[in-house]
Amino acid sequence: MSGMHLLTLLSLTHVLLASSDRQGQRIECQKAVELTEAWRAGPDGSKVRPGGPYSFRGWGCDLNRQLQWFRFSGDAGNRMRDTCPPMYSCGAMMPMWTDQPPPSEVGVKKRINVYESWSPGHVCKFFAKPVEVIRCSHDTEHDLVYRNYGARSNQCYQTFCGMH
């Protein structure tokens, strides 16, 4: 086999392996919307009002968006926040977070609760909402995608908080 044919064969093998790695992931991992906004992991209690579609008085809103599966990336962090944020954090009046662990196995879908943080009375778990989470790979500890499937709200001022 000539050097050119061997190089072509090696290149083709590399392309096939790379594409099967992507195709081996669950569709939810491939199609997840990336949440990248810095205010999602911003300073605690900063009162940032990002506005946007479905916002209520300028507060961000994730509950009324057509957010199917999503992941945190870039300035938003690489996973959902795992400690209670103060009210007015993460672009929300009532920021959402979780203290429940994600699945440890790749491709497994797990239901967890996220909580709204409400400062009057210092209630960290003001209201629980169901969310599904999937671990997409073992390449990184935080390759996770989430999906909100709770009810929508007429007055929405809740967003998902990210962290690094």
Protein backbone atom coordinates (compact mmCIF):
# COMPACT_ATOMS: atom_id res chain seq x y z
CA MET A 1 0.00 0.00 0.00
CA SER A 2 1.42 3.35 -0.97
CA GLY A 3 1.99 6.11 1.58
CA MET A 4 -0.79 8.22 0.02
CA HIS A 5 -3.34 5.38 0.29
CA LEU A 6 -2.32 4.67 3.88
CA LEU A 7 -2.69 8.36 4.79
CA THR A 8 -6.13 8.47 3.15
CA LEU A 9 -7.19 5.30 4.99
CA LEU A 10 -5.97 6.69 8.33
CA SER A 11 -7.78 10.00 7.73
CA LEU A 12 -11.00 8.20 6.80
CA THR A 13 -10.73 5.99 9.90
CA HIS A 14 -10.26 9.08 12.09
CA VAL A 15 -13.34 10.77 10.56
CA LEU A 16 -15.46 7.65 11.04
CA LEU A 17 -14.38 7.23 14.67
CA ALA A 18 -15.01 10.90 15.48
CA SER A 19 -18.47 10.82 13.93
CA SER A 20 -19.41 7.59 15.72
CA ASP A 21 -18.36 9.18 19.03
CA ARG A 22 -20.81 12.04 18.40
CA GLN A 23 -23.48 9.68 17.13
CA GLY A 24 -22.98 7.44 20.17
CA GLN A 25 -24.29 10.20 22.44
CA ARG A 26 -27.95 10.46 23.26
CA ILE A 27 -29.87 12.86 21.01
CA GLU A 28 -30.53 15.08 24.05
CA CYS A 29 -26.78 15.65 24.43
CA GLN A 30 -26.32 16.45 20.74
CA LYS A 31 -29.20 18.92 20.49
CA ALA A 32 -28.98 20.69 23.88
CA VAL A 33 -29.21 24.49 23.86
CA GLU A 34 -26.17 26.15 25.41
CA LEU A 35 -26.76 28.69 28.16
CA THR A 36 -23.70 30.96 28.07
CA GLU A 37 -24.78 34.22 29.72
CA ALA A 38 -22.37 35.48 32.40
CA TRP A 39 -25.23 36.70 34.62
CA ARG A 40 -26.20 33.04 35.25
CA ALA A 41 -23.03 32.62 37.31
CA GLY A 42 -22.77 36.27 38.25
CA PRO A 43 -22.17 37.89 41.62
CA ASP A 44 -24.59 36.84 44.31
CA GLY A 45 -27.47 39.21 44.81
CA SER A 46 -26.31 41.50 42.00
CA LYS A 47 -29.90 42.30 40.89
CA VAL A 48 -29.00 42.04 37.18
CA ARG A 49 -32.17 42.12 35.05
CA PRO A 50 -31.31 40.60 31.66
CA GLY A 51 -34.80 41.00 30.19
CA GLY A 52 -35.53 38.98 27.11
CA PRO A 53 -38.51 36.96 25.92
CA TYR A 54 -41.04 36.11 28.63
CA SER A 55 -39.25 38.26 31.19
CA PHE A 56 -41.32 39.78 33.98
CA ARG A 57 -40.28 43.32 34.90
CA GLY A 58 -36.87 42.65 33.37
CA TRP A 59 -36.07 39.50 35.35
CA GLY A 60 -34.91 36.56 33.27
CA CYS A 61 -37.31 33.69 32.65
CA ASP A 62 -36.39 30.10 31.84
CA LEU A 63 -39.73 28.50 32.69
CA ASN A 64 -41.68 29.91 29.75
CA ARG A 65 -38.96 29.49 27.13
CA GLN A 66 -39.02 26.68 24.65
CA LEU A 67 -35.97 25.27 26.41
CA GLN A 68 -35.94 21.58 25.78
CA TRP A 69 -32.57 20.20 26.81
CA PHE A 70 -29.90 22.67 27.88
CA ARG A 71 -26.36 22.75 29.20
CA PHE A 72 -24.26 25.41 30.87
CA SER A 73 -21.13 26.54 29.05
CA GLY A 74 -18.79 29.49 28.69
CA ASP A 75 -19.38 32.37 31.09
CA ALA A 76 -22.50 30.68 32.54
CA GLY A 77 -20.37 27.91 34.08
CA ASN A 78 -20.33 24.21 33.36
CA ARG A 79 -23.12 22.87 35.57
CA MET A 80 -26.14 23.91 37.61
CA ARG A 81 -25.35 25.68 40.85
CA ASP A 82 -25.25 23.31 43.83
CA THR A 83 -25.53 25.81 46.69
CA CYS A 84 -28.34 28.17 47.60
CA PRO A 85 -27.95 31.59 45.94
CA PRO A 86 -29.45 34.68 47.50
CA MET A 87 -32.54 36.21 46.01
CA TYR A 88 -31.88 38.50 42.99
CA SER A 89 -28.99 36.34 41.71
CA CYS A 90 -28.47 34.77 38.29
CA GLY A 91 -30.65 37.33 36.50
CA ALA A 92 -33.71 36.26 38.50
CA MET A 93 -35.82 37.41 41.37
CA MET A 94 -35.99 33.76 42.45
CA PRO A 95 -32.88 31.92 41.19
CA MET A 96 -33.03 28.14 40.77
CA TRP A 97 -30.39 25.64 41.94
CA THR A 98 -30.10 22.01 43.07
CA ASP A 99 -28.33 20.06 45.80
CA GLN A 100 -29.11 16.68 44.24
CA PRO A 101 -26.34 14.75 42.46
CA PRO A 102 -26.48 14.08 38.72
CA PRO A 103 -26.33 10.51 37.42
CA SER A 104 -22.90 8.91 37.60
CA GLU A 105 -23.42 6.73 34.51
CA VAL A 106 -23.23 8.09 30.97
CA GLY A 107 -26.54 8.19 29.11
CA VAL A 108 -28.70 7.62 32.18
CA LYS A 109 -31.64 10.00 32.63
CA LYS A 110 -32.36 10.98 36.23
CA ARG A 111 -35.08 13.15 37.76
CA ILE A 112 -33.88 15.70 40.30
CA ASN A 113 -35.46 18.69 41.98
CA VAL A 114 -34.37 22.27 41.49
CA TYR A 115 -35.34 24.83 44.07
CA GLU A 116 -36.28 28.48 43.98
CA SER A 117 -34.38 30.62 46.44
CA TRP A 118 -36.55 33.16 48.26
CA SER A 119 -34.77 35.49 50.68
CA PRO A 120 -37.64 36.80 52.82
CA GLY A 121 -37.37 34.29 55.63
CA HIS A 122 -34.15 32.94 54.04
CA VAL A 123 -35.89 30.00 52.38
CA CYS A 124 -33.44 28.20 50.11
CA LYS A 125 -35.92 25.54 49.04
CA PHE A 126 -38.97 27.74 48.57
CA PHE A 127 -40.49 25.60 45.82
CA ALA A 128 -39.26 22.39 44.18
CA LYS A 129 -39.54 21.85 40.42
CA PRO A 130 -38.76 18.59 38.59
CA VAL A 131 -35.88 18.56 36.14
CA GLU A 132 -34.30 15.71 34.22
CA VAL A 133 -30.53 15.45 33.89
CA ILE A 134 -28.32 13.24 31.72
CA ARG A 135 -24.57 12.72 31.92
CA CYS A 136 -23.33 12.88 28.32
CA SER A 137 -19.77 11.58 28.68
CA HIS A 138 -16.98 10.72 31.07
CA ASP A 139 -14.64 13.16 29.27
CA THR A 140 -15.38 15.78 31.88
CA GLU A 141 -17.05 15.58 35.27
CA HIS A 142 -19.61 18.20 34.25
CA ASP A 143 -20.79 17.14 30.78
CA LEU A 144 -24.45 17.34 31.80
CA VAL A 145 -27.67 18.34 30.05
CA TYR A 146 -30.90 19.32 31.82
CA ARG A 147 -34.56 19.63 30.88
CA ASN A 148 -37.28 21.48 32.73
CA TYR A 149 -40.64 19.80 32.40
CA GLY A 150 -42.55 21.65 35.06
CA ALA A 151 -45.54 23.89 34.52
CA ARG A 152 -45.16 27.28 32.87
CA SER A 153 -45.94 30.43 34.78
CA ASN A 154 -47.80 33.62 33.80
CA GLN A 155 -45.41 35.77 35.80
CA CYS A 156 -41.98 34.28 35.38
CA TYR A 157 -38.90 35.55 37.20
CA GLN A 158 -36.94 32.33 37.66
CA THR A 159 -33.73 31.32 35.88
CA PHE A 160 -31.34 28.40 36.27
CA CYS A 161 -28.07 29.36 37.99
CA GLY A 162 -24.77 28.07 36.67
CA MET A 163 -21.39 27.67 38.32
CA HIS A 164 -17.81 26.71 37.43
